[in-house]
């Protein structure tokens, strides 16, 4: 499988295109405090921008620069277009942050998505860029 295809599959599968079931409106960032809340809010912002198919916001504001560069290199296209195309194929955009761990300028957010008969648990890695937490990887089970 070519690199752009693998990257697009990753974008669709983890966690931007989450499930085919209904969406809830629970804001899981409210379950955290301090910097953990800021990390959870970054995930909530990703969810919100995904629902709006806002590839431009996702690439400009929510993804870490290294991930944006990786998407551009792998797809030979603009990050916002690649992300928007992935979102156009998505069924749902529900993420619930269950746990946040922070170590310096890196963080892991354990997120749950619901789909069909089975829930899915993934870990998003985030990086503190300036004062903002940004998505550095799109997840791994």
C-alpha atoms as a PDB file:
ATOM      1  CA  UNK A   1       0.000   0.000   0.000  1.00  0.00           C
ATOM      2  CA  UNK A   2       1.436   3.397  -0.940  1.00  0.00           C
ATOM      3  CA  UNK A   3       2.232   5.926   1.795  1.00  0.00           C
ATOM      4  CA  UNK A   4      -0.613   8.342   0.851  1.00  0.00           C
ATOM      5  CA  UNK A   5      -3.120   5.501   0.956  1.00  0.00           C
ATOM      6  CA  UNK A   6      -1.861   4.327   4.359  1.00  0.00           C
ATOM      7  CA  UNK A   7      -2.024   7.862   5.727  1.00  0.00           C
ATOM      8  CA  UNK A   8      -5.520   8.415   4.382  1.00  0.00           C
ATOM      9  CA  UNK A   9      -6.616   5.103   5.893  1.00  0.00           C
ATOM     10  CA  UNK A  10      -5.161   6.246   9.214  1.00  0.00           C
ATOM     11  CA  UNK A  11      -6.974   9.560   8.982  1.00  0.00           C
ATOM     12  CA  UNK A  12     -10.255   7.825   8.291  1.00  0.00           C
ATOM     13  CA  UNK A  13      -9.840   5.053  10.823  1.00  0.00           C
ATOM     14  CA  UNK A  14      -8.221   6.751  13.802  1.00  0.00           C
ATOM     15  CA  UNK A  15     -10.050   8.669  15.244  1.00  0.00           C
ATOM     16  CA  UNK A  16     -11.562  11.121  12.782  1.00  0.00           C
ATOM     17  CA  UNK A  17     -14.034   8.638  11.367  1.00  0.00           C
ATOM     18  CA  UNK A  18     -15.137   6.915  14.455  1.00  0.00           C
ATOM     19  CA  UNK A  19     -18.347   5.021  14.243  1.00  0.00           C
ATOM     20  CA  UNK A  20     -21.610   4.524  12.495  1.00  0.00           C
ATOM     21  CA  UNK A  21     -23.720   4.903  15.603  1.00  0.00           C
ATOM     22  CA  UNK A  22     -25.432   7.994  16.978  1.00  0.00           C
ATOM     23  CA  UNK A  23     -23.555  10.922  18.447  1.00  0.00           C
ATOM     24  CA  UNK A  24     -23.771  12.187  21.982  1.00  0.00           C
ATOM     25  CA  UNK A  25     -23.093  15.678  23.204  1.00  0.00           C
ATOM     26  CA  UNK A  26     -21.053  14.835  26.318  1.00  0.00           C
ATOM     27  CA  UNK A  27     -18.134  17.201  26.733  1.00  0.00           C
ATOM     28  CA  UNK A  28     -15.538  14.991  28.383  1.00  0.00           C
ATOM     29  CA  UNK A  29     -13.111  17.923  28.854  1.00  0.00           C
ATOM     30  CA  UNK A  30     -15.304  18.953  31.778  1.00  0.00           C
ATOM     31  CA  UNK A  31     -14.182  15.798  33.607  1.00  0.00           C
ATOM     32  CA  UNK A  32     -10.622  17.152  33.944  1.00  0.00           C
ATOM     33  CA  UNK A  33      -8.839  20.112  35.526  1.00  0.00           C
ATOM     34  CA  UNK A  34      -5.779  22.208  34.736  1.00  0.00           C
ATOM     35  CA  UNK A  35      -3.501  21.097  31.917  1.00  0.00           C
ATOM     36  CA  UNK A  36      -5.311  17.740  31.679  1.00  0.00           C
ATOM     37  CA  UNK A  37      -8.471  19.699  30.859  1.00  0.00           C
ATOM     38  CA  UNK A  38      -6.559  21.618  28.161  1.00  0.00           C
ATOM     39  CA  UNK A  39      -5.442  18.335  26.600  1.00  0.00           C
ATOM     40  CA  UNK A  40      -8.992  16.945  26.711  1.00  0.00           C
ATOM     41  CA  UNK A  41     -10.272  20.198  25.228  1.00  0.00           C
ATOM     42  CA  UNK A  42      -7.882  19.823  22.281  1.00  0.00           C
ATOM     43  CA  UNK A  43      -9.475  16.428  21.596  1.00  0.00           C
ATOM     44  CA  UNK A  44     -12.960  17.961  21.935  1.00  0.00           C
ATOM     45  CA  UNK A  45     -11.906  20.690  19.485  1.00  0.00           C
ATOM     46  CA  UNK A  46     -10.793  17.992  17.031  1.00  0.00           C
ATOM     47  CA  UNK A  47     -14.185  16.341  17.390  1.00  0.00           C
ATOM     48  CA  UNK A  48     -16.009  19.638  16.841  1.00  0.00           C
ATOM     49  CA  UNK A  49     -13.966  20.595  13.773  1.00  0.00           C
ATOM     50  CA  UNK A  50     -14.420  17.063  12.392  1.00  0.00           C
ATOM     51  CA  UNK A  51     -18.196  17.375  12.631  1.00  0.00           C
ATOM     52  CA  UNK A  52     -17.963  20.575  10.603  1.00  0.00           C
ATOM     53  CA  UNK A  53     -15.613  18.945   8.063  1.00  0.00           C
ATOM     54  CA  UNK A  54     -13.246  21.836   8.783  1.00  0.00           C
ATOM     55  CA  UNK A  55      -9.957  20.475   7.467  1.00  0.00           C
ATOM     56  CA  UNK A  56      -8.502  23.964   7.448  1.00  0.00           C
ATOM     57  CA  UNK A  57      -9.017  24.461  11.205  1.00  0.00           C
ATOM     58  CA  UNK A  58      -7.806  20.962  11.980  1.00  0.00           C
ATOM     59  CA  UNK A  59      -4.545  21.423  10.069  1.00  0.00           C
ATOM     60  CA  UNK A  60      -3.919  25.051  11.049  1.00  0.00           C
ATOM     61  CA  UNK A  61      -4.936  24.962  14.709  1.00  0.00           C
ATOM     62  CA  UNK A  62      -5.289  21.418  16.044  1.00  0.00           C
ATOM     63  CA  UNK A  63      -2.564  19.235  14.532  1.00  0.00           C
ATOM     64  CA  UNK A  64       1.098  19.524  15.524  1.00  0.00           C
ATOM     65  CA  UNK A  65       3.332  20.941  12.774  1.00  0.00           C
ATOM     66  CA  UNK A  66       5.194  17.631  12.346  1.00  0.00           C
ATOM     67  CA  UNK A  67       1.924  15.753  11.720  1.00  0.00           C
ATOM     68  CA  UNK A  68       0.804  18.386   9.207  1.00  0.00           C
ATOM     69  CA  UNK A  69       4.157  18.012   7.419  1.00  0.00           C
ATOM     70  CA  UNK A  70       3.807  14.217   7.433  1.00  0.00           C
ATOM     71  CA  UNK A  71       0.333  14.453   5.907  1.00  0.00           C
ATOM     72  CA  UNK A  72       1.556  16.859   3.218  1.00  0.00           C
ATOM     73  CA  UNK A  73       4.555  14.681   2.372  1.00  0.00           C
ATOM     74  CA  UNK A  74       2.638  11.409   2.312  1.00  0.00           C
ATOM     75  CA  UNK A  75      -0.259  12.756   0.275  1.00  0.00           C
ATOM     76  CA  UNK A  76       1.621  15.219  -1.939  1.00  0.00           C
ATOM     77  CA  UNK A  77      -1.286  17.550  -1.256  1.00  0.00           C
ATOM     78  CA  UNK A  78      -2.541  20.192   1.109  1.00  0.00           C
ATOM     79  CA  UNK A  79      -3.248  18.915   4.621  1.00  0.00           C
ATOM     80  CA  UNK A  80      -6.661  20.583   4.810  1.00  0.00           C
ATOM     81  CA  UNK A  81      -7.827  18.941   1.579  1.00  0.00           C
ATOM     82  CA  UNK A  82      -6.595  15.476   2.643  1.00  0.00           C
ATOM     83  CA  UNK A  83      -8.279  15.812   6.038  1.00  0.00           C
ATOM     84  CA  UNK A  84     -11.519  17.165   4.548  1.00  0.00           C
ATOM     85  CA  UNK A  85     -11.631  14.295   2.047  1.00  0.00           C
ATOM     86  CA  UNK A  86     -11.185  11.823   4.919  1.00  0.00           C
ATOM     87  CA  UNK A  87     -13.942  13.546   6.882  1.00  0.00           C
ATOM     88  CA  UNK A  88     -16.287  13.423   3.891  1.00  0.00           C
ATOM     89  CA  UNK A  89     -16.078   9.626   4.091  1.00  0.00           C
ATOM     90  CA  UNK A  90     -16.703   9.523   7.848  1.00  0.00           C
ATOM     91  CA  UNK A  91     -19.919   8.458   9.546  1.00  0.00           C
ATOM     92  CA  UNK A  92     -19.504   9.952  12.997  1.00  0.00           C
ATOM     93  CA  UNK A  93     -17.107  12.065  15.033  1.00  0.00           C
ATOM     94  CA  UNK A  94     -17.684  11.142  18.666  1.00  0.00           C
ATOM     95  CA  UNK A  95     -14.710  11.026  21.031  1.00  0.00           C
ATOM     96  CA  UNK A  96     -14.880  10.656  24.798  1.00  0.00           C
ATOM     97  CA  UNK A  97     -11.657  11.334  26.652  1.00  0.00           C
ATOM     98  CA  UNK A  98     -11.282   8.778  29.437  1.00  0.00           C
ATOM     99  CA  UNK A  99      -7.789   9.459  30.724  1.00  0.00           C
ATOM    100  CA  UNK A 100      -5.059  12.058  30.249  1.00  0.00           C
ATOM    101  CA  UNK A 101      -1.418  11.668  31.214  1.00  0.00           C
ATOM    102  CA  UNK A 102       1.111  14.461  30.825  1.00  0.00           C
ATOM    103  CA  UNK A 103       4.894  14.297  30.851  1.00  0.00           C
ATOM    104  CA  UNK A 104       6.472  17.689  30.226  1.00  0.00           C
ATOM    105  CA  UNK A 105       5.396  18.909  26.798  1.00  0.00           C
ATOM    106  CA  UNK A 106       3.853  15.608  25.694  1.00  0.00           C
ATOM    107  CA  UNK A 107       0.538  14.084  26.636  1.00  0.00           C
ATOM    108  CA  UNK A 108      -1.492  10.973  25.953  1.00  0.00           C
ATOM    109  CA  UNK A 109      -5.267  11.044  25.813  1.00  0.00           C
ATOM    110  CA  UNK A 110      -7.078   7.715  25.997  1.00  0.00           C
ATOM    111  CA  UNK A 111     -10.254   8.144  23.974  1.00  0.00           C
ATOM    112  CA  UNK A 112     -13.283   5.955  23.470  1.00  0.00           C
ATOM    113  CA  UNK A 113     -15.410   5.803  20.364  1.00  0.00           C
ATOM    114  CA  UNK A 114     -18.544   3.739  20.013  1.00  0.00           C
ATOM    115  CA  UNK A 115     -19.386   1.801  16.891  1.00  0.00           C
ATOM    116  CA  UNK A 116     -21.742  -1.005  16.129  1.00  0.00           C
ATOM    117  CA  UNK A 117     -21.455  -3.781  18.688  1.00  0.00           C
ATOM    118  CA  UNK A 118     -18.015  -2.791  19.914  1.00  0.00           C
ATOM    119  CA  UNK A 119     -16.458   0.248  21.563  1.00  0.00           C
ATOM    120  CA  UNK A 120     -12.986   1.250  20.456  1.00  0.00           C
ATOM    121  CA  UNK A 121     -10.225   2.601  22.678  1.00  0.00           C
ATOM    122  CA  UNK A 122      -7.341   4.561  21.131  1.00  0.00           C
ATOM    123  CA  UNK A 123      -4.573   6.753  22.461  1.00  0.00           C
ATOM    124  CA  UNK A 124      -3.924  10.141  20.922  1.00  0.00           C
ATOM    125  CA  UNK A 125      -0.549  11.715  21.528  1.00  0.00           C
ATOM    126  CA  UNK A 126      -0.427  15.470  21.927  1.00  0.00           C
ATOM    127  CA  UNK A 127       2.417  17.940  21.979  1.00  0.00           C
ATOM    128  CA  UNK A 128       2.471  21.328  23.647  1.00  0.00           C
ATOM    129  CA  UNK A 129       3.258  23.902  20.986  1.00  0.00           C
ATOM    130  CA  UNK A 130       3.575  27.312  22.562  1.00  0.00           C
ATOM    131  CA  UNK A 131       0.620  27.460  24.948  1.00  0.00           C
ATOM    132  CA  UNK A 132      -1.604  25.081  22.977  1.00  0.00           C
ATOM    133  CA  UNK A 133      -1.880  21.300  23.021  1.00  0.00           C
ATOM    134  CA  UNK A 134      -1.888  19.876  19.486  1.00  0.00           C
ATOM    135  CA  UNK A 135      -2.546  16.403  18.153  1.00  0.00           C
ATOM    136  CA  UNK A 136       0.812  14.772  17.348  1.00  0.00           C
ATOM    137  CA  UNK A 137      -0.423  11.307  16.339  1.00  0.00           C
ATOM    138  CA  UNK A 138      -3.850  10.093  15.398  1.00  0.00           C
ATOM    139  CA  UNK A 139      -3.899   7.071  17.634  1.00  0.00           C
ATOM    140  CA  UNK A 140      -2.971   3.527  18.299  1.00  0.00           C
ATOM    141  CA  UNK A 141      -4.945   0.890  20.131  1.00  0.00           C
END
